[in-house]
Amino acid sequence: MNPYDGQVSKRYLIRTHGCQMNEHDSERIAGLFEADGMVATDSLDDADVVVLNTCCIRENADNKLYGTLGHLKSIKEARPGLEIVVGGCLAQKDRDLIQAKAGHVDVVFGTHNVHRAVELLEQSRTSGPVTEILEAAVLADDEMFPSALPARRKTGYLSWVTIQIGCDNSCAFCIVPSVRGAEISRPFGSLIDEVHALAADGVTEVTLLGQNVNSYGRDLTLKLRAEGAGEDELAIDRGSLVAGAAWAAEGQRARPLFADLLRAVGDVPGIRRIRYTSPHPKDFSGDTIAAMAETAAVCEHLHLPLQSGSDAILAAMHRGYTAERYLDKVVAARAGIADLAVTTDIIIGFPGETDVDFAATLEVAAAAEYDAAYTFIYSPRAGTEAAELTDRFVDHTVSVDRMNQLRAVVERSSHRRNQDRIGRIEEVMVEGPSKKNPDVLTGRTRQNKLCHFASPEPIRVGSYATVEVTSAGLSHLLGELVEVTHVATHRTRIPVLSS
């Protein structure tokens, strides 16, 4: 029941596709719905409102969405009261096309107006289907971030923290800038305030989110300088932290650097682990390496997308670095951060990729000795520069063959690096029973490797334990429990959080 009006509460179901940004947006939508009196359900049969939070990075995202909407149409015909909402990046891209193809959709909204989810749903109940796509963020910068809205986190012991929205890069294969907009960094102080609040609620691991986290703060500094701010004022803008005056006194650049943010989050009591995604190699600096090495809470894991090992393809992609510069950064990171795991993203079959280009990618992948890699066959996305290069598309069978060769190289280094962990004592955060064997627990190491182990007694999820690694596979470790080092204190039912 809704405690405010005595009416039966509507039940909502959110299905999320895509990256962590989409997952975090779904938490915001859930928080808004629950603040409005709705309750969550995992069953489509029970749902009164179904939200599809979409992604448009891959070509099959379109087929997946419209296939799902076709299925929902038959359900809505049987249950006319069912309300269907489509949001996210694909909604931003397709706009009116969604309701043109699927007239039974009640609400379509984009990436810039997640905060309007409840209002748009209410509007559709009185005026019919609604499509609202904004071209850019229209609220004050700090209002566009998740902490400015209620949020329903999926887990009580770890949380995403969005430090930046949008992207100012122009990668030829990527549609994100056109659907997420220009980069907007969140003020330094409000970020630290959110992390303090999360830690007080029992969160021990945070992942800092942004399309290009290494450029965090660039827009804030440019804005302040445009307003005539001096270096002292810029230092103070870091959130009025005491250290701000020290930075200014030392003559440091006063831009709120990502490295400074890592250190400040690491100083928050209760935060045991910090991760971040995604960095961009062209902006990944020695300052970040030093912060990772010097901040105990920052995990020894770097996800640094390569995309291609060919300088010609990297230039065509507009990535802003060469293969040699990329490898120099990997070498520097491993030299500066003890026991570092490195993972990456690689695209196979970008338009114009030759056998020589692909051979260069194999060479870089072998030299980098990745712990793991997410490999993709290129798929064109309408609205991107690369999608127009139709005369240079690589035959799919050629791309599949290249993919298999690349996976073999990555799997060799991944298996070897996992084997090197045997005999070591690893700290793991317990995530719960293994999907394949409920009698075995699964945890994640600081290097972000899955580790399966048995325990004579149940261990609460979110707790920390030490495990001795006894064997290793391509994508996981196996071990024996040594001891539980920290018992999770988060709430079982996660509250709806608001600013």
Protein backbone atom coordinates (compact mmCIF):
# COMPACT_ATOMS: atom_id res chain seq x y z
CA MET A 1 0.00 0.00 0.00
CA ASN A 2 1.09 3.57 -0.55
CA PRO A 3 1.37 5.02 2.98
CA TYR A 4 0.30 8.44 1.74
CA ASP A 5 -2.99 7.77 -0.01
CA GLY A 6 -4.04 4.25 0.96
CA GLN A 7 -3.90 3.11 -2.66
CA VAL A 8 -2.22 -0.08 -3.85
CA SER A 9 1.30 0.83 -4.94
CA LYS A 10 2.27 0.43 -8.56
CA ARG A 11 5.03 -2.12 -9.18
CA TYR A 12 7.91 -1.30 -11.49
CA LEU A 13 10.47 -3.40 -13.34
CA ILE A 14 13.63 -1.91 -14.83
CA ARG A 15 15.67 -3.75 -17.43
CA THR A 16 19.08 -2.22 -18.07
CA HIS A 17 21.39 -2.66 -21.04
CA GLY A 18 24.82 -1.15 -21.49
CA CYS A 19 27.55 0.29 -19.32
CA GLN A 20 27.85 1.30 -15.68
CA MET A 21 26.46 4.73 -16.56
CA ASN A 22 23.21 3.07 -17.61
CA GLU A 23 23.19 0.92 -14.49
CA HIS A 24 23.61 4.00 -12.35
CA ASP A 25 20.87 5.84 -14.25
CA SER A 26 18.58 2.87 -13.53
CA GLU A 27 19.31 3.26 -9.83
CA ARG A 28 18.25 6.89 -10.14
CA ILE A 29 15.02 5.94 -11.92
CA ALA A 30 14.30 3.33 -9.25
CA GLY A 31 14.91 5.89 -6.52
CA LEU A 32 12.53 8.35 -8.17
CA PHE A 33 9.84 5.71 -8.54
CA GLU A 34 10.12 4.61 -4.93
CA ALA A 35 10.07 8.20 -3.70
CA ASP A 36 6.78 8.42 -5.62
CA GLY A 37 5.38 5.40 -3.77
CA MET A 38 6.09 2.61 -6.25
CA VAL A 39 7.64 -0.73 -5.29
CA ALA A 40 10.09 -2.87 -7.23
CA THR A 41 9.34 -6.27 -8.72
CA ASP A 42 11.51 -8.81 -10.54
CA SER A 43 8.59 -10.31 -12.41
CA LEU A 44 7.21 -9.02 -15.69
CA ASP A 45 3.90 -10.67 -14.82
CA ASP A 46 3.59 -8.47 -11.72
CA ALA A 47 4.83 -5.22 -13.22
CA ASP A 48 2.56 -2.22 -13.74
CA VAL A 49 5.42 -0.15 -15.20
CA VAL A 50 8.25 -1.56 -17.33
CA VAL A 51 11.32 0.59 -18.02
CA LEU A 52 13.83 -0.34 -20.72
CA ASN A 53 17.03 1.62 -20.10
CA THR A 54 18.84 1.25 -23.40
CA CYS A 55 22.34 1.27 -24.85
CA CYS A 56 23.31 2.05 -28.45
CA ILE A 57 26.99 1.12 -28.54
CA ARG A 58 26.43 -2.14 -30.43
CA GLU A 59 24.43 -2.65 -33.62
CA ASN A 60 22.26 -5.39 -32.16
CA ALA A 61 21.05 -3.00 -29.44
CA ASP A 62 18.38 -1.76 -31.87
CA ASN A 63 17.20 -5.28 -32.68
CA LYS A 64 17.13 -6.19 -28.99
CA LEU A 65 15.04 -3.15 -28.09
CA TYR A 66 12.45 -3.50 -30.84
CA GLY A 67 12.25 -7.25 -30.31
CA THR A 68 11.52 -6.66 -26.62
CA LEU A 69 8.96 -3.98 -27.45
CA GLY A 70 7.21 -6.41 -29.79
CA HIS A 71 6.93 -8.91 -26.95
CA LEU A 72 5.65 -6.22 -24.58
CA LYS A 73 2.99 -5.22 -27.11
CA SER A 74 1.25 -8.58 -26.80
CA ILE A 75 1.45 -8.36 -23.00
CA LYS A 76 -0.03 -4.86 -23.04
CA GLU A 77 -2.87 -6.03 -25.27
CA ALA A 78 -3.73 -8.56 -22.56
CA ARG A 79 -3.09 -6.05 -19.76
CA PRO A 80 -3.99 -2.57 -21.11
CA GLY A 81 -2.94 -0.91 -17.85
CA LEU A 82 0.72 -1.86 -18.38
CA GLU A 83 2.88 1.25 -18.86
CA ILE A 84 6.03 1.04 -20.98
CA VAL A 85 8.92 3.50 -20.67
CA VAL A 86 12.04 3.63 -22.86
CA GLY A 87 15.05 5.66 -21.76
CA GLY A 88 18.81 5.76 -22.19
CA CYS A 89 21.21 6.21 -25.07
CA LEU A 90 19.18 4.47 -27.77
CA ALA A 91 16.17 6.59 -26.84
CA GLN A 92 18.37 9.69 -27.15
CA LYS A 93 19.48 8.54 -30.60
CA ASP A 94 16.21 7.22 -32.06
CA ARG A 95 13.87 9.82 -30.52
CA ASP A 96 10.49 9.84 -32.28
CA LEU A 97 11.37 6.68 -34.19
CA ILE A 98 10.62 4.57 -31.12
CA GLN A 99 6.97 5.55 -30.91
CA ALA A 100 6.71 5.47 -34.70
CA LYS A 101 7.76 1.81 -34.61
CA ALA A 102 6.10 0.97 -31.30
CA GLY A 103 3.06 3.14 -30.68
CA HIS A 104 2.24 1.25 -27.50
CA VAL A 105 5.20 2.88 -25.69
CA ASP A 106 3.96 5.42 -23.15
CA VAL A 107 7.11 7.44 -22.44
CA VAL A 108 10.41 7.99 -24.25
CA PHE A 109 13.10 10.09 -22.55
CA GLY A 110 16.82 10.54 -23.15
CA THR A 111 20.03 10.78 -21.19
CA HIS A 112 19.60 14.42 -20.14
CA ASN A 113 16.21 14.17 -18.43
CA VAL A 114 16.31 11.07 -16.24
CA HIS A 115 15.17 13.39 -13.44
CA ARG A 116 11.82 13.77 -15.29
CA ALA A 117 10.90 10.06 -15.32
CA VAL A 118 8.00 10.32 -12.85
CA GLU A 119 6.62 13.57 -14.27
CA LEU A 120 6.64 12.23 -17.83
CA LEU A 121 4.88 9.07 -16.75
CA GLU A 122 2.18 11.11 -15.01
CA GLN A 123 1.86 13.31 -18.10
CA SER A 124 1.32 10.27 -20.33
CA ARG A 125 -1.56 9.12 -18.15
CA THR A 126 -3.54 12.25 -18.95
CA SER A 127 -2.32 13.30 -22.40
CA GLY A 128 -1.19 10.07 -24.06
CA PRO A 129 2.28 8.94 -25.24
CA VAL A 130 5.12 11.35 -24.49
CA THR A 131 8.54 11.74 -26.11
CA GLU A 132 10.92 14.22 -24.48
CA ILE A 133 14.51 14.33 -25.69
CA LEU A 134 16.71 17.19 -24.53
CA GLU A 135 19.75 18.20 -26.58
CA ALA A 136 21.92 18.94 -23.55
CA ALA A 137 21.93 19.24 -19.78
CA VAL A 138 19.61 22.08 -18.80
CA LEU A 139 19.83 22.04 -15.01
CA ALA A 140 22.64 23.37 -12.87
CA ASP A 141 25.66 21.13 -13.30
CA ASP A 142 25.46 19.54 -9.86
CA GLU A 143 21.79 18.67 -10.36
CA MET A 144 22.62 16.38 -13.28
CA PHE A 145 24.44 13.86 -11.12
CA PRO A 146 22.95 10.82 -9.38
CA SER A 147 23.42 12.21 -5.87
CA ALA A 148 21.04 15.03 -6.73
CA LEU A 149 18.26 12.44 -7.16
CA PRO A 150 16.95 9.64 -4.98
CA ALA A 151 18.75 6.38 -5.78
CA ARG A 152 18.04 2.72 -5.07
CA ARG A 153 21.40 0.92 -5.09
CA LYS A 154 21.48 -2.74 -6.04
CA THR A 155 23.96 -3.57 -3.30
CA GLY A 156 24.53 -2.04 0.08
CA TYR A 157 28.28 -2.52 0.26
CA LEU A 158 29.46 -1.02 -3.03
CA SER A 159 28.37 1.95 -5.06
CA TRP A 160 29.02 3.89 -8.24
CA VAL A 161 29.85 7.57 -7.91
CA THR A 162 29.47 9.60 -11.09
CA ILE A 163 32.21 12.22 -11.25
CA GLN A 164 31.58 13.36 -14.81
CA ILE A 165 28.93 13.11 -17.51
CA GLY A 166 29.38 13.48 -21.25
CA CYS A 167 32.49 13.24 -23.41
CA ASP A 168 34.54 15.78 -25.37
CA ASN A 169 36.45 13.21 -27.44
CA SER A 170 35.63 12.43 -31.07
CA CYS A 171 36.43 8.75 -31.53
CA ALA A 172 35.26 7.82 -35.03
CA PHE A 173 33.50 4.63 -33.88
CA CYS A 174 31.71 6.01 -30.82
CA ILE A 175 28.25 7.53 -30.55
CA VAL A 176 28.52 8.41 -26.85
CA PRO A 177 29.32 12.14 -27.31
CA SER A 178 26.17 12.62 -29.38
CA VAL A 179 23.92 10.86 -26.87
CA ARG A 180 25.60 11.89 -23.60
CA GLY A 181 26.68 15.43 -24.54
CA ALA A 182 29.70 17.51 -23.60
CA GLU A 183 31.80 16.78 -20.51
CA ILE A 184 30.50 18.19 -17.25
CA SER A 185 32.55 17.53 -14.11
CA ARG A 186 30.91 17.41 -10.75
CA PRO A 187 32.21 19.84 -8.12
CA PHE A 188 34.98 18.32 -6.03
CA GLY A 189 33.43 18.98 -2.65
CA SER A 190 30.02 17.45 -3.43
CA LEU A 191 31.75 14.28 -4.63
CA ILE A 192 33.59 13.90 -1.35
CA ASP A 193 30.38 14.63 0.56
CA GLU A 194 28.62 11.81 -1.31
CA VAL A 195 31.41 9.34 -0.57
CA HIS A 196 31.26 10.26 3.14
CA ALA A 197 27.50 9.60 3.10
CA LEU A 198 27.98 6.25 1.35
CA ALA A 199 30.66 5.18 3.83
CA ALA A 200 28.37 6.10 6.73
CA ASP A 201 25.76 3.79 5.19
CA GLY A 202 28.15 0.82 5.11
CA VAL A 203 29.59 1.14 1.59
CA THR A 204 33.23 0.07 1.52
CA GLU A 205 33.93 0.05 -2.24
CA VAL A 206 33.22 2.85 -4.69
CA THR A 207 33.72 2.98 -8.45
CA LEU A 208 34.24 6.46 -9.87
CA LEU A 209 32.38 6.79 -13.17
CA GLY A 210 32.99 8.98 -16.18
CA GLN A 211 33.38 8.64 -19.94
CA ASN A 212 36.95 9.97 -19.60
CA VAL A 213 37.79 10.17 -15.91
CA ASN A 214 41.33 11.44 -16.52
CA SER A 215 39.97 14.74 -17.84
CA TYR A 216 37.92 15.27 -14.68
CA GLY A 217 37.92 18.92 -13.64
CA ARG A 218 39.08 20.40 -16.94
CA ASP A 219 35.74 22.10 -17.57
CA LEU A 220 35.50 23.38 -13.99
CA THR A 221 38.85 25.10 -14.27
CA LEU A 222 38.12 26.58 -17.67
CA LYS A 223 34.82 27.94 -16.37
CA LEU A 224 36.42 29.53 -13.32
CA ARG A 225 39.27 31.03 -15.33
CA ALA A 226 36.75 32.44 -17.79
CA GLU A 227 35.15 34.13 -14.80
CA GLY A 228 38.50 35.63 -13.83
CA ALA A 229 39.31 33.36 -10.89
CA GLY A 230 42.91 33.32 -9.70
CA GLU A 231 44.91 30.30 -8.63
CA ASP A 232 44.00 30.73 -4.94
CA GLU A 233 40.29 30.75 -5.79
CA LEU A 234 40.72 27.72 -8.02
CA ALA A 235 42.36 25.82 -5.18
CA ILE A 236 39.54 26.77 -2.81
CA ASP A 237 36.98 25.55 -5.38
CA ARG A 238 38.23 22.01 -4.84
CA GLY A 239 35.52 21.87 -2.26
CA SER A 240 36.99 24.24 0.31
CA LEU A 241 39.19 21.39 1.50
CA VAL A 242 41.93 22.42 3.91
CA ALA A 243 44.47 20.95 1.50
CA GLY A 244 43.36 23.46 -1.13
CA ALA A 245 45.32 26.27 0.53
CA ALA A 246 48.36 24.01 0.78
CA TRP A 247 48.20 23.16 -2.93
CA ALA A 248 48.02 26.86 -3.78
CA ALA A 249 50.88 27.68 -1.40
CA GLU A 250 53.04 25.03 -3.02
CA GLY A 251 52.44 26.62 -6.40
CA GLN A 252 50.63 23.57 -7.75
CA ARG A 253 48.24 23.83 -10.66
CA ALA A 254 44.88 24.39 -9.04
CA ARG A 255 42.78 22.38 -11.49
CA PRO A 256 40.85 19.63 -9.64
CA LEU A 257 42.89 16.77 -11.05
CA PHE A 258 41.64 13.20 -11.08
CA ALA A 259 44.72 12.20 -9.07
CA ASP A 260 43.69 14.59 -6.30
CA LEU A 261 40.21 13.10 -6.31
CA LEU A 262 41.61 9.58 -5.89
CA ARG A 263 43.60 10.72 -2.87
CA ALA A 264 40.66 12.59 -1.32
CA VAL A 265 38.27 9.64 -1.73
CA GLY A 266 40.96 7.37 -0.28
CA ASP A 267 41.03 9.56 2.84
CA VAL A 268 37.32 8.96 3.58
CA PRO A 269 37.05 6.70 6.65
CA GLY A 270 35.43 3.36 5.86
CA ILE A 271 36.31 3.28 2.16
CA ARG A 272 38.48 0.20 1.65
CA ARG A 273 38.49 -0.01 -2.14
CA ILE A 274 38.39 2.51 -4.99
CA ARG A 275 37.99 1.60 -8.65
CA TYR A 276 37.36 3.81 -11.65
CA THR A 277 36.23 3.64 -15.25
CA SER A 278 36.93 4.63 -17.92
CA PRO A 279 40.33 6.28 -18.41
CA HIS A 280 41.60 7.43 -21.81
CA PRO A 281 45.23 6.63 -22.68
CA LYS A 282 45.91 10.09 -24.12
CA ASP A 283 45.04 11.69 -20.75
CA PHE A 284 46.41 8.99 -18.44
CA SER A 285 49.27 10.65 -16.58
CA GLY A 286 52.07 10.07 -14.12
CA ASP A 287 50.03 11.98 -11.51
CA THR A 288 47.35 9.28 -11.66
CA ILE A 289 49.96 6.53 -11.42
CA ALA A 290 51.43 8.17 -8.33
CA ALA A 291 48.00 8.60 -6.73
CA MET A 292 47.16 4.95 -7.37
CA ALA A 293 50.46 3.85 -5.84
CA GLU A 294 50.24 6.14 -2.81
CA THR A 295 46.53 5.70 -1.94
CA ALA A 296 46.01 2.43 -0.12
CA ALA A 297 42.33 2.14 -1.02
CA VAL A 298 42.89 2.41 -4.80
CA CYS A 299 42.84 -1.11 -6.21
CA GLU A 300 45.74 -2.49 -8.21
CA HIS A 301 43.75 -2.69 -11.42
CA LEU A 302 43.95 -0.47 -14.50
CA HIS A 303 41.50 -0.80 -17.37
CA LEU A 304 43.19 1.08 -20.22
CA PRO A 305 41.39 0.73 -23.57
CA LEU A 306 43.77 0.12 -26.48
CA GLN A 307 41.18 -0.28 -29.30
CA SER A 308 43.91 -1.02 -31.87
CA GLY A 309 47.66 -1.59 -31.99
CA SER A 310 48.02 -0.03 -35.43
CA ASP A 311 49.07 3.61 -35.56
CA ALA A 312 47.20 4.03 -38.84
CA ILE A 313 43.96 2.69 -37.35
CA LEU A 314 44.43 4.66 -34.13
CA ALA A 315 44.75 7.81 -36.21
CA ALA A 316 41.63 6.91 -38.20
CA MET A 317 39.83 6.33 -34.91
CA HIS A 318 41.00 9.77 -33.63
CA ARG A 319 42.35 8.20 -30.46
CA GLY A 320 45.14 10.71 -29.91
CA TYR A 321 48.03 8.32 -29.15
CA THR A 322 50.31 5.83 -30.87
CA ALA A 323 50.91 2.20 -29.98
CA GLU A 324 54.34 3.11 -28.62
CA ARG A 325 52.95 5.85 -26.38
CA TYR A 326 50.27 3.46 -25.15
CA LEU A 327 52.80 0.77 -24.25
CA ASP A 328 55.00 3.37 -22.54
CA LYS A 329 52.04 4.20 -20.27
CA VAL A 330 51.44 0.52 -19.48
CA VAL A 331 55.13 0.06 -18.64
CA ALA A 332 55.11 3.18 -16.46
CA ALA A 333 51.96 2.05 -14.65
CA ARG A 334 53.37 -1.40 -13.91
CA ALA A 335 56.66 0.11 -12.76
CA GLY A 336 54.91 2.60 -10.50
CA ILE A 337 52.13 0.44 -9.05
CA ALA A 338 53.13 -2.81 -7.39
CA ASP A 339 51.24 -5.95 -8.45
CA LEU A 340 49.13 -4.13 -11.06
CA ALA A 341 46.63 -5.97 -13.25
CA VAL A 342 45.95 -4.39 -16.66
CA THR A 343 42.87 -5.03 -18.78
CA THR A 344 41.73 -3.42 -22.02
CA ASP A 345 39.20 -3.04 -24.84
CA ILE A 346 40.12 -3.92 -28.44
CA ILE A 347 38.06 -3.48 -31.61
CA ILE A 348 38.66 -5.88 -34.49
CA GLY A 349 37.77 -5.04 -38.09
CA PHE A 350 37.61 -1.24 -37.88
CA PRO A 351 37.05 0.08 -41.44
CA GLY A 352 40.29 -0.15 -43.42
CA GLU A 353 42.03 -2.57 -41.04
CA THR A 354 44.55 -4.61 -43.05
CA ASP A 355 46.47 -7.75 -42.19
CA VAL A 356 49.42 -5.51 -41.33
CA ASP A 357 47.26 -3.39 -39.00
CA PHE A 358 45.93 -6.49 -37.28
CA ALA A 359 49.42 -7.94 -36.89
CA ALA A 360 50.37 -4.72 -35.07
CA THR A 361 47.44 -5.22 -32.70
CA LEU A 362 48.62 -8.77 -31.95
CA GLU A 363 52.10 -7.44 -31.22
CA VAL A 364 50.85 -4.80 -28.79
CA ALA A 365 48.53 -7.28 -27.06
CA ALA A 366 51.42 -9.70 -26.59
CA ALA A 367 53.74 -6.95 -25.33
CA ALA A 368 51.15 -5.57 -22.89
CA GLU A 369 50.57 -9.02 -21.34
CA TYR A 370 46.98 -8.24 -20.41
CA ASP A 371 45.24 -9.90 -17.50
CA ALA A 372 42.06 -9.81 -19.59
CA ALA A 373 40.64 -8.05 -22.63
CA TYR A 374 37.15 -7.22 -23.86
CA THR A 375 37.33 -7.82 -27.60
CA PHE A 376 34.70 -6.71 -30.09
CA ILE A 377 34.12 -6.99 -33.80
CA TYR A 378 33.42 -3.54 -35.20
CA SER A 379 29.77 -2.74 -35.85
CA PRO A 380 28.76 0.53 -37.53
CA ARG A 381 26.63 2.98 -35.59
CA ALA A 382 24.60 5.48 -37.57
CA GLY A 383 25.73 9.01 -36.81
CA THR A 384 29.40 8.15 -36.33
CA GLU A 385 32.20 8.99 -38.75
CA ALA A 386 33.29 5.37 -39.17
CA ALA A 387 29.82 4.27 -40.22
CA GLU A 388 30.23 6.33 -43.40
CA LEU A 389 33.32 4.35 -44.48
CA THR A 390 31.24 1.65 -46.15
CA ASP A 391 33.79 1.05 -48.91
CA ARG A 392 36.39 0.14 -46.27
CA PHE A 393 34.35 -2.29 -44.18
CA VAL A 394 36.19 -5.52 -43.32
CA ASP A 395 34.58 -8.81 -44.32
CA HIS A 396 32.92 -10.40 -41.29
CA THR A 397 34.58 -13.80 -41.77
CA VAL A 398 37.98 -12.06 -41.78
CA SER A 399 37.09 -10.24 -38.56
CA VAL A 400 35.98 -13.48 -36.90
CA ASP A 401 39.27 -15.16 -37.80
CA ARG A 402 41.22 -12.19 -36.45
CA MET A 403 39.14 -12.22 -33.27
CA ASN A 404 40.03 -15.86 -32.65
CA GLN A 405 43.73 -15.11 -33.13
CA LEU A 406 43.57 -12.16 -30.75
CA ARG A 407 41.72 -14.14 -28.09
CA ALA A 408 44.41 -16.82 -28.21
CA VAL A 409 47.10 -14.20 -27.50
CA VAL A 410 45.13 -12.62 -24.66
CA GLU A 411 44.19 -15.95 -23.12
CA ARG A 412 47.85 -16.99 -22.98
CA SER A 413 48.83 -13.93 -20.98
CA SER A 414 45.66 -14.07 -18.87
CA HIS A 415 46.24 -17.71 -17.93
CA ARG A 416 49.91 -17.11 -17.23
CA ARG A 417 49.23 -14.10 -15.02
CA ASN A 418 46.51 -16.01 -13.12
CA GLN A 419 48.88 -18.96 -12.66
CA ASP A 420 51.38 -16.56 -11.13
CA ARG A 421 48.86 -15.92 -8.33
CA ILE A 422 48.99 -19.55 -7.09
CA GLY A 423 50.32 -19.72 -3.54
CA ARG A 424 49.55 -16.08 -2.82
CA ILE A 425 47.21 -14.78 -0.15
CA GLU A 426 44.55 -12.60 -1.79
CA GLU A 427 42.07 -10.23 -0.17
CA VAL A 428 38.60 -10.79 -1.62
CA MET A 429 35.31 -8.99 -1.21
CA VAL A 430 32.63 -11.67 -0.87
CA GLU A 431 29.92 -11.38 -3.55
CA GLY A 432 27.90 -14.47 -2.64
CA PRO A 433 27.53 -18.06 -3.87
CA SER A 434 29.08 -19.07 -7.17
CA LYS A 435 26.57 -19.20 -10.04
CA LYS A 436 27.77 -22.67 -11.02
CA ASN A 437 28.18 -24.11 -7.54
CA PRO A 438 26.07 -22.66 -4.71
CA ASP A 439 28.24 -24.50 -2.16
CA VAL A 440 31.20 -22.32 -3.14
CA LEU A 441 31.56 -18.60 -2.45
CA THR A 442 32.75 -16.07 -4.99
CA GLY A 443 34.78 -13.00 -4.19
CA ARG A 444 36.65 -10.39 -6.18
CA THR A 445 40.29 -9.57 -5.52
CA ARG A 446 41.78 -6.09 -5.54
CA GLN A 447 43.01 -6.86 -9.06
CA ASN A 448 39.35 -7.45 -10.01
CA LYS A 449 39.82 -11.18 -10.51
CA LEU A 450 37.07 -13.60 -9.56
CA CYS A 451 38.09 -16.03 -6.84
CA HIS A 452 36.03 -19.06 -5.83
CA PHE A 453 36.51 -20.66 -2.42
CA ALA A 454 34.71 -22.83 0.12
CA SER A 455 33.81 -21.68 3.60
CA PRO A 456 32.72 -23.84 6.55
CA GLU A 457 30.29 -21.10 7.60
CA PRO A 458 28.23 -18.54 5.70
CA ILE A 459 29.93 -15.18 5.11
CA ARG A 460 27.81 -12.11 4.61
CA VAL A 461 28.11 -10.51 1.18
CA GLY A 462 30.23 -7.38 1.23
CA SER A 463 32.55 -8.84 3.86
CA TYR A 464 36.29 -9.17 3.26
CA ALA A 465 38.34 -12.33 3.62
CA THR A 466 41.81 -13.58 2.83
CA VAL A 467 42.09 -16.60 0.54
CA GLU A 468 45.13 -18.68 -0.42
CA VAL A 469 45.09 -19.29 -4.17
CA THR A 470 45.48 -22.99 -4.97
CA SER A 471 44.80 -23.07 -8.73
CA ALA A 472 43.85 -20.79 -11.58
CA GLY A 473 41.94 -20.85 -14.85
CA LEU A 474 41.63 -18.44 -17.74
CA SER A 475 39.19 -16.10 -15.99
CA HIS A 476 39.15 -17.07 -12.33
CA LEU A 477 41.14 -18.18 -9.32
CA LEU A 478 40.39 -21.03 -6.92
CA GLY A 479 41.45 -20.92 -3.29
CA GLU A 480 41.03 -21.85 0.34
CA LEU A 481 39.68 -19.51 2.99
CA VAL A 482 42.29 -18.21 5.45
CA GLU A 483 40.20 -15.86 7.56
CA VAL A 484 37.42 -13.29 7.49
CA THR A 485 39.03 -9.89 8.01
CA HIS A 486 36.02 -7.57 7.94
CA VAL A 487 32.32 -8.31 8.35
CA ALA A 488 30.03 -6.13 6.27
CA THR A 489 27.91 -3.59 8.15
CA HIS A 490 25.64 -2.34 5.37
CA ARG A 491 21.87 -2.54 5.67
CA THR A 492 20.15 -5.58 4.17
CA ARG A 493 17.40 -3.38 2.70
CA ILE A 494 19.08 -0.51 0.93
CA PRO A 495 17.39 2.81 1.66
CA VAL A 496 16.39 5.26 -1.01
CA LEU A 497 19.11 7.87 -0.83
CA SER A 498 18.65 11.50 -1.78
CA SER A 499 20.75 14.60 -1.54
